[in-house]
């Protein structure tokens, strides 16, 4: 069994916490931070069962960067 560490972000959206993996296109949510992370862990494991692992990207030292955009 292979073990790998993934970089994730989490934020609150309404009454739910959203957790998103930055290495692969997988996210999940829960009513608490802990529940969101448990659900994300399950979603990542399901993704890895079905995928050939070609889409996994290395993400090193992610940071939050704010960007203001003007739009019409």
Protein backbone atom coordinates (compact mmCIF):
# COMPACT_ATOMS: atom_id res chain seq x y z
CA UNK A 1 0.00 0.00 0.00
CA UNK A 2 1.35 3.40 -0.99
CA UNK A 3 1.13 6.45 1.28
CA UNK A 4 1.23 10.04 0.08
CA UNK A 5 0.60 13.42 1.67
CA UNK A 6 -1.71 15.85 -0.13
CA UNK A 7 -2.06 19.62 0.24
CA UNK A 8 -5.62 20.70 1.03
CA UNK A 9 -7.52 23.90 1.67
CA UNK A 10 -10.62 24.39 3.77
CA UNK A 11 -13.14 27.19 4.12
CA UNK A 12 -16.60 27.77 5.52
CA UNK A 13 -19.41 28.21 3.02
CA UNK A 14 -22.74 28.93 4.69
CA UNK A 15 -23.22 26.32 7.40
CA UNK A 16 -20.81 23.83 5.79
CA UNK A 17 -17.04 23.46 5.70
CA UNK A 18 -15.58 22.70 2.28
CA UNK A 19 -12.30 20.80 1.95
CA UNK A 20 -10.50 20.66 -1.39
CA UNK A 21 -7.40 18.73 -2.39
CA UNK A 22 -4.96 20.86 -4.40
CA UNK A 23 -3.09 17.88 -5.88
CA UNK A 24 -6.11 16.32 -7.57
CA UNK A 25 -9.53 17.64 -8.54
CA UNK A 26 -11.39 16.31 -5.47
CA UNK A 27 -13.37 18.13 -2.80
CA UNK A 28 -15.96 17.35 -0.15
CA UNK A 29 -17.82 19.05 2.69
CA UNK A 30 -19.24 18.53 6.16
CA UNK A 31 -21.01 20.32 8.99
CA UNK A 32 -17.70 20.53 10.92
CA UNK A 33 -14.03 20.82 9.95
CA UNK A 34 -13.45 17.26 11.14
CA UNK A 35 -16.38 15.87 9.13
CA UNK A 36 -15.22 17.72 6.00
CA UNK A 37 -11.72 16.21 6.36
CA UNK A 38 -13.07 12.69 6.95
CA UNK A 39 -15.27 13.08 3.87
CA UNK A 40 -12.36 14.44 1.82
CA UNK A 41 -10.20 11.48 2.89
CA UNK A 42 -12.91 9.11 1.68
CA UNK A 43 -13.31 11.02 -1.61
CA UNK A 44 -9.54 10.96 -2.24
CA UNK A 45 -9.39 7.23 -1.56
CA UNK A 46 -12.27 6.60 -3.98
CA UNK A 47 -10.54 8.74 -6.61
CA UNK A 48 -7.28 6.83 -6.19
CA UNK A 49 -9.07 3.47 -6.51
CA UNK A 50 -10.41 4.38 -9.95
CA UNK A 51 -7.61 6.54 -11.35
CA UNK A 52 -4.25 5.60 -12.81
CA UNK A 53 -2.64 8.37 -10.71
CA UNK A 54 -1.49 10.31 -13.77
CA UNK A 55 -3.34 13.48 -12.70
CA UNK A 56 -1.60 13.92 -9.35
CA UNK A 57 0.39 17.14 -9.24
CA UNK A 58 3.00 18.12 -6.70
CA UNK A 59 1.99 21.22 -4.77
CA UNK A 60 4.72 22.63 -2.57
CA UNK A 61 4.20 25.44 -0.08
CA UNK A 62 0.80 26.66 -1.21
CA UNK A 63 -0.24 30.11 -0.07
CA UNK A 64 -3.42 32.14 -0.18
CA UNK A 65 -3.06 35.01 -2.63
CA UNK A 66 -5.77 37.64 -2.93
CA UNK A 67 -6.54 39.03 -6.38
CA UNK A 68 -8.93 41.90 -7.09
CA UNK A 69 -10.65 41.67 -10.45
CA UNK A 70 -12.71 44.36 -12.17
CA UNK A 71 -15.55 43.07 -14.29
CA UNK A 72 -18.66 44.43 -15.97
